Amino acid sequence: MTDTVVLTSVSKWFGFKVAVSDVTISFGPGVTGLLGPNGAGKTTLMRVVAGLQRPSQGKVEVLGKDPREDVDVYRRMALVPEDESMYERETARRFIETMARLGKVDDPAGKTEEVLTTVELTDAADRPLGTYSKGMRQRAKVAAALVTDPEVLLLDEPLNGADPVQRAQLIRLFRDLGGAGRTVIVSSHVLAEVERMADRVVAMVDGRLAAVGSVVTIRAAMTDRPRLVYVECSDPRRLAAALFRADGVVGVHLEDGRVRIEASDARDLALQLPRLAVEHGVRISDVQPADESLESVFRYLVEAR
């Protein structure tokens, strides 16, 4: 994988407020989800990558260039901002075609029609943007970003206001772009949707990096937190009694007819559980990890700050 966006010891502060603190990270082709609570520094980080703000400290490279020093990089990168400032009297078609012309796109009218179809706005393309719903505006902004065929696409809360069908369509589009070799960085507070579209997660807390990697690898690295597993079986009490004596099991509870297990090592538990069930004549019908979702991992990261 070739790194297309590289940040080295980047910090950004506004007066006494530190928005981003000593961030070193790189991004490559594919979809990366950028997560964090309000005030974590996600939007500031994206604006620094896009060249809209100069880092107070550190170095930013996009496609091997400093976006503040080499304006040619802007033709290969696009940002979809979260804010709603738009030319409300302009139609979506004229707005997107203007972006195509500014980006010196060959056949701007043809490319505009192509991206309108991609985001499913063709039928409403000649209506003023001021008449659009929030979800439609988001799709218009995505189309304006895509019209220049950017290699790096920065998306700040791109699913805001979209209905469930539109969200599913945009998630599929972002995954397709990442699969085609584009670098897609998506900031979102909707954790379930990030989990659907991103294979890699970057979590920020208080302007700093809290974790980087897949949800599975981040959870595996949290060795200070026991793994939580629910087991459905034919005799929960008998299995719970056997688990009390098992190595690596730090807690066993009965909840709603299931056995809740807290274990220090998920792999060791996976080896012991079937053996103990056979030894004690218990039939296991279901085993469900309860804290390996992105929501659980993110909650642990925020609680640890």
Protein backbone atom coordinates (compact mmCIF):
# COMPACT_ATOMS: atom_id res chain seq x y z
CA MET A 1 0.00 0.00 0.00
CA THR A 2 1.28 3.47 -0.94
CA ASP A 3 0.69 6.24 1.59
CA THR A 4 -1.13 9.14 -0.06
CA VAL A 5 -1.66 11.31 3.02
CA VAL A 6 1.08 11.60 5.65
CA LEU A 7 0.97 13.69 8.82
CA THR A 8 4.10 13.99 10.95
CA SER A 9 3.91 15.45 14.48
CA VAL A 10 1.02 17.70 13.45
CA SER A 11 -0.52 20.05 16.00
CA LYS A 12 -3.04 22.84 15.53
CA TRP A 13 -4.01 25.34 18.17
CA PHE A 14 -6.20 28.43 18.27
CA GLY A 15 -4.93 30.75 20.98
CA PHE A 16 -4.88 28.64 24.14
CA LYS A 17 -7.13 25.92 22.67
CA VAL A 18 -5.32 22.88 21.29
CA ALA A 19 -7.53 21.24 18.63
CA VAL A 20 -5.00 18.68 17.33
CA SER A 21 -2.03 17.53 19.37
CA ASP A 22 1.10 15.83 17.99
CA VAL A 23 -0.61 13.56 15.46
CA THR A 24 1.55 11.27 13.34
CA ILE A 25 -0.38 9.03 10.96
CA SER A 26 -0.63 8.03 7.32
CA PHE A 27 -3.51 7.07 5.04
CA GLY A 28 -3.56 5.02 1.86
CA PRO A 29 -6.08 3.67 -0.66
CA GLY A 30 -9.32 2.40 0.84
CA VAL A 31 -11.85 3.79 3.30
CA THR A 32 -10.73 4.99 6.72
CA GLY A 33 -13.27 6.04 9.35
CA LEU A 34 -12.29 9.03 11.48
CA LEU A 35 -14.08 8.88 14.83
CA GLY A 36 -14.24 10.96 17.95
CA PRO A 37 -16.65 12.80 20.27
CA ASN A 38 -17.51 16.44 19.64
CA GLY A 39 -14.40 18.57 20.07
CA ALA A 40 -12.03 15.66 19.41
CA GLY A 41 -10.33 17.50 16.53
CA LYS A 42 -11.72 15.54 13.55
CA THR A 43 -12.86 18.52 11.50
CA THR A 44 -9.69 20.48 12.25
CA LEU A 45 -7.57 17.52 11.16
CA MET A 46 -9.47 17.28 7.87
CA ARG A 47 -9.12 21.01 7.22
CA VAL A 48 -5.38 20.77 7.86
CA VAL A 49 -5.09 17.85 5.42
CA ALA A 50 -7.13 19.79 2.85
CA GLY A 51 -4.80 22.77 3.16
CA LEU A 52 -7.53 25.09 4.44
CA GLN A 53 -5.62 25.60 7.68
CA ARG A 54 -1.89 25.64 8.23
CA PRO A 55 -0.68 23.34 11.02
CA SER A 56 0.75 25.23 13.98
CA GLN A 57 3.45 22.57 14.12
CA GLY A 58 4.43 19.55 12.08
CA LYS A 59 4.28 18.51 8.45
CA VAL A 60 1.45 17.50 6.10
CA GLU A 61 1.94 15.77 2.75
CA VAL A 62 -0.82 14.87 0.32
CA LEU A 63 0.31 12.86 -2.71
CA GLY A 64 3.88 13.80 -1.82
CA LYS A 65 3.20 17.54 -1.69
CA ASP A 66 2.45 20.17 0.94
CA PRO A 67 -1.10 21.34 0.11
CA ARG A 68 -0.29 24.82 1.44
CA GLU A 69 2.70 25.17 -0.87
CA ASP A 70 1.69 23.37 -4.08
CA VAL A 71 -1.77 24.27 -5.38
CA ASP A 72 -1.64 21.50 -8.02
CA VAL A 73 -2.53 19.02 -5.29
CA TYR A 74 -5.99 20.60 -5.04
CA ARG A 75 -6.91 19.16 -8.44
CA ARG A 76 -6.26 15.67 -7.06
CA MET A 77 -8.06 16.10 -3.74
CA ALA A 78 -11.59 17.06 -2.68
CA LEU A 79 -13.27 17.93 0.62
CA VAL A 80 -16.97 17.56 1.44
CA PRO A 81 -17.42 19.86 4.47
CA GLU A 82 -20.03 19.38 7.15
CA ASP A 83 -21.26 22.98 7.08
CA GLU A 84 -24.30 23.96 5.03
CA SER A 85 -23.06 27.13 3.28
CA MET A 86 -24.15 26.85 -0.35
CA TYR A 87 -25.28 29.07 -3.22
CA GLU A 88 -28.97 28.62 -2.55
CA ARG A 89 -30.21 30.25 -5.78
CA GLU A 90 -27.90 28.12 -7.90
CA THR A 91 -29.14 24.85 -9.30
CA ALA A 92 -27.29 21.67 -8.47
CA ARG A 93 -26.37 21.20 -12.12
CA ARG A 94 -24.80 24.66 -12.46
CA PHE A 95 -23.07 24.34 -9.08
CA ILE A 96 -21.45 21.01 -9.97
CA GLU A 97 -20.56 22.08 -13.52
CA THR A 98 -18.88 25.21 -12.11
CA MET A 99 -16.75 22.98 -9.86
CA ALA A 100 -15.87 20.89 -12.94
CA ARG A 101 -14.80 23.96 -14.89
CA LEU A 102 -12.74 25.31 -12.00
CA GLY A 103 -11.06 21.90 -11.80
CA LYS A 104 -10.34 22.04 -15.56
CA VAL A 105 -12.27 18.82 -16.18
CA ASP A 106 -12.56 17.64 -19.77
CA ASP A 107 -16.22 17.77 -20.87
CA PRO A 108 -17.55 19.43 -17.69
CA ALA A 109 -21.20 19.08 -18.79
CA GLY A 110 -20.83 15.36 -19.47
CA LYS A 111 -18.98 14.75 -16.20
CA THR A 112 -21.63 16.71 -14.32
CA GLU A 113 -24.35 14.48 -15.71
CA GLU A 114 -22.33 11.41 -14.74
CA VAL A 115 -21.93 12.39 -11.07
CA LEU A 116 -25.55 13.54 -10.81
CA THR A 117 -26.54 10.04 -11.84
CA THR A 118 -24.06 8.55 -9.38
CA VAL A 119 -25.66 10.36 -6.41
CA GLU A 120 -29.19 9.98 -7.85
CA LEU A 121 -29.96 13.70 -8.21
CA THR A 122 -30.69 13.81 -11.94
CA ASP A 123 -34.43 14.45 -11.51
CA ALA A 124 -33.83 17.40 -9.16
CA ALA A 125 -30.69 18.76 -10.86
CA ASP A 126 -32.36 21.92 -12.19
CA ARG A 127 -33.93 22.95 -8.90
CA PRO A 128 -32.27 25.67 -6.76
CA LEU A 129 -30.15 24.27 -3.95
CA GLY A 130 -32.17 26.37 -1.52
CA THR A 131 -35.15 24.07 -2.12
CA TYR A 132 -33.16 20.93 -1.27
CA SER A 133 -33.48 18.92 1.92
CA LYS A 134 -30.36 18.48 4.06
CA GLY A 135 -29.82 14.98 2.66
CA MET A 136 -30.10 16.23 -0.93
CA ARG A 137 -27.60 19.01 -0.21
CA GLN A 138 -25.18 16.44 1.13
CA ARG A 139 -25.47 14.44 -2.09
CA ALA A 140 -24.96 17.60 -4.15
CA LYS A 141 -21.77 18.34 -2.23
CA VAL A 142 -20.55 14.76 -2.75
CA ALA A 143 -21.26 15.09 -6.49
CA ALA A 144 -19.33 18.38 -6.62
CA ALA A 145 -16.36 16.66 -4.98
CA LEU A 146 -16.49 13.64 -7.31
CA VAL A 147 -16.71 15.68 -10.50
CA THR A 148 -12.91 16.18 -10.56
CA ASP A 149 -12.17 12.46 -10.03
CA PRO A 150 -10.09 13.10 -6.87
CA GLU A 151 -7.49 10.59 -5.74
CA VAL A 152 -8.02 11.72 -2.13
CA LEU A 153 -11.56 12.33 -0.87
CA LEU A 154 -12.20 13.90 2.55
CA LEU A 155 -15.76 13.53 3.83
CA ASP A 156 -16.86 15.34 7.00
CA GLU A 157 -20.15 13.84 8.24
CA PRO A 158 -21.34 13.13 4.66
CA LEU A 159 -24.40 11.13 5.76
CA ASN A 160 -26.02 13.89 7.82
CA GLY A 161 -29.65 14.36 6.89
CA ALA A 162 -29.76 11.49 4.40
CA ASP A 163 -32.63 9.04 4.67
CA PRO A 164 -31.89 5.29 5.14
CA VAL A 165 -31.99 4.55 1.40
CA GLN A 166 -29.69 7.49 0.60
CA ARG A 167 -27.31 6.46 3.39
CA ALA A 168 -27.06 2.92 2.07
CA GLN A 169 -26.41 4.23 -1.45
CA LEU A 170 -23.69 6.64 -0.28
CA ILE A 171 -22.02 3.98 1.87
CA ARG A 172 -21.91 1.68 -1.14
CA LEU A 173 -20.46 4.51 -3.26
CA PHE A 174 -17.71 5.28 -0.72
CA ARG A 175 -16.78 1.60 -0.45
CA ASP A 176 -16.62 1.35 -4.25
CA LEU A 177 -14.35 4.41 -4.42
CA GLY A 178 -12.04 2.93 -1.79
CA GLY A 179 -12.04 -0.41 -3.59
CA ALA A 180 -11.07 1.36 -6.80
CA GLY A 181 -7.89 2.68 -5.16
CA ARG A 182 -9.03 6.10 -3.95
CA THR A 183 -8.07 7.31 -0.49
CA VAL A 184 -11.35 8.01 1.30
CA ILE A 185 -11.31 9.50 4.81
CA VAL A 186 -14.78 9.66 6.37
CA SER A 187 -15.59 11.49 9.60
CA SER A 188 -18.85 10.33 11.17
CA HIS A 189 -20.53 10.05 14.56
CA VAL A 190 -22.78 7.19 13.41
CA LEU A 191 -20.63 4.25 14.50
CA ALA A 192 -22.69 1.49 12.87
CA GLU A 193 -22.33 3.19 9.49
CA VAL A 194 -18.58 3.64 9.87
CA GLU A 195 -18.35 -0.06 10.67
CA ARG A 196 -20.18 -0.82 7.41
CA MET A 197 -18.02 1.34 5.18
CA ALA A 198 -14.52 1.44 6.70
CA ASP A 199 -12.02 -1.38 7.13
CA ARG A 200 -9.70 0.86 9.15
CA VAL A 201 -10.62 3.15 12.03
CA VAL A 202 -8.78 6.16 13.42
CA ALA A 203 -10.15 7.24 16.79
CA MET A 204 -9.39 10.68 18.22
CA VAL A 205 -9.98 11.86 21.77
CA ASP A 206 -9.09 15.36 23.01
CA GLY A 207 -7.15 16.12 19.82
CA ARG A 208 -4.90 13.08 20.13
CA LEU A 209 -4.88 9.69 18.45
CA ALA A 210 -6.53 7.14 20.72
CA ALA A 211 -6.35 4.08 18.45
CA VAL A 212 -5.65 3.10 14.84
CA GLY A 213 -6.50 -0.14 13.05
CA SER A 214 -9.40 -2.47 12.44
CA VAL A 215 -12.03 -2.84 15.14
CA VAL A 216 -10.77 -6.37 15.86
CA THR A 217 -7.13 -5.34 16.27
CA ILE A 218 -8.00 -2.34 18.43
CA ARG A 219 -10.15 -4.47 20.72
CA ALA A 220 -7.44 -7.14 20.93
CA ALA A 221 -4.95 -4.49 22.02
CA MET A 222 -7.12 -3.52 25.01
CA THR A 223 -5.59 -6.14 27.28
CA ASP A 224 -6.67 -4.23 30.39
CA ARG A 225 -10.34 -4.92 29.63
CA PRO A 226 -11.74 -8.47 29.94
CA ARG A 227 -13.50 -9.91 26.90
CA LEU A 228 -17.24 -10.17 27.39
CA VAL A 229 -19.04 -13.24 25.98
CA TYR A 230 -22.62 -14.51 26.29
CA VAL A 231 -23.32 -18.25 26.04
CA GLU A 232 -26.69 -19.95 25.57
CA CYS A 233 -26.72 -23.56 26.67
CA SER A 234 -28.85 -26.42 28.05
CA ASP A 235 -27.72 -25.97 31.68
CA PRO A 236 -26.42 -22.43 32.42
CA ARG A 237 -25.85 -23.09 36.14
CA ARG A 238 -23.72 -26.18 35.58
CA LEU A 239 -21.62 -24.43 32.90
CA ALA A 240 -21.20 -21.35 35.10
CA ALA A 241 -19.97 -23.49 37.99
CA ALA A 242 -17.39 -25.15 35.74
CA LEU A 243 -16.21 -21.81 34.37
CA PHE A 244 -15.52 -20.43 37.86
CA ARG A 245 -12.49 -22.73 38.04
CA ALA A 246 -11.28 -22.11 34.47
CA ASP A 247 -7.98 -20.33 33.81
CA GLY A 248 -8.32 -16.77 32.54
CA VAL A 249 -12.00 -16.41 33.52
CA VAL A 250 -12.34 -13.35 35.74
CA GLY A 251 -16.12 -13.24 36.06
CA VAL A 252 -19.19 -15.43 35.49
CA HIS A 253 -22.83 -14.31 35.81
CA LEU A 254 -26.26 -15.68 34.95
CA GLU A 255 -28.34 -13.20 32.95
CA ASP A 256 -31.73 -13.90 31.33
CA GLY A 257 -31.03 -17.61 31.05
CA ARG A 258 -27.58 -17.07 29.57
CA VAL A 259 -24.06 -17.29 30.96
CA ARG A 260 -22.15 -14.03 30.87
CA ILE A 261 -18.39 -14.64 30.90
CA GLU A 262 -15.59 -12.12 31.43
CA ALA A 263 -12.26 -13.54 30.30
CA SER A 264 -8.77 -12.12 30.06
CA ASP A 265 -8.00 -14.08 26.88
CA ALA A 266 -10.67 -14.70 24.23
CA ARG A 267 -8.60 -17.33 22.42
CA ASP A 268 -8.00 -19.32 25.59
CA LEU A 269 -11.71 -19.15 26.41
CA ALA A 270 -12.58 -20.43 22.93
CA LEU A 271 -10.40 -23.51 23.60
CA GLN A 272 -11.70 -24.17 27.11
CA LEU A 273 -15.42 -23.61 26.56
CA PRO A 274 -16.19 -26.65 24.34
CA ARG A 275 -14.02 -28.91 26.51
CA LEU A 276 -15.81 -27.87 29.70
CA ALA A 277 -19.21 -28.28 28.04
CA VAL A 278 -18.40 -31.87 27.01
CA GLU A 279 -16.96 -32.74 30.42
CA HIS A 280 -20.08 -31.51 32.25
CA GLY A 281 -22.67 -32.73 29.78
CA VAL A 282 -23.81 -29.25 28.70
CA ARG A 283 -25.00 -28.55 25.14
CA ILE A 284 -24.00 -25.10 23.83
CA SER A 285 -26.43 -23.54 21.34
CA ASP A 286 -24.94 -20.05 20.84
CA VAL A 287 -21.82 -18.02 21.69
CA GLN A 288 -21.89 -14.26 21.17
CA PRO A 289 -19.02 -11.80 21.82
CA ALA A 290 -20.67 -8.75 23.40
CA ASP A 291 -18.02 -6.06 23.20
CA GLU A 292 -16.31 -6.39 19.83
CA SER A 293 -18.48 -3.90 17.95
CA LEU A 294 -17.16 -0.49 16.97
CA GLU A 295 -19.59 1.08 19.44
CA SER A 296 -18.18 -0.91 22.35
CA VAL A 297 -14.57 -0.27 21.38
CA PHE A 298 -15.19 3.43 20.93
CA ARG A 299 -16.95 3.65 24.29
CA TYR A 300 -13.94 2.04 25.98
CA LEU A 301 -11.59 4.53 24.29
CA VAL A 302 -13.62 7.54 25.42
CA GLU A 303 -14.00 6.20 28.97
CA ALA A 304 -10.22 5.78 29.23
CA ARG A 305 -9.41 9.41 28.48
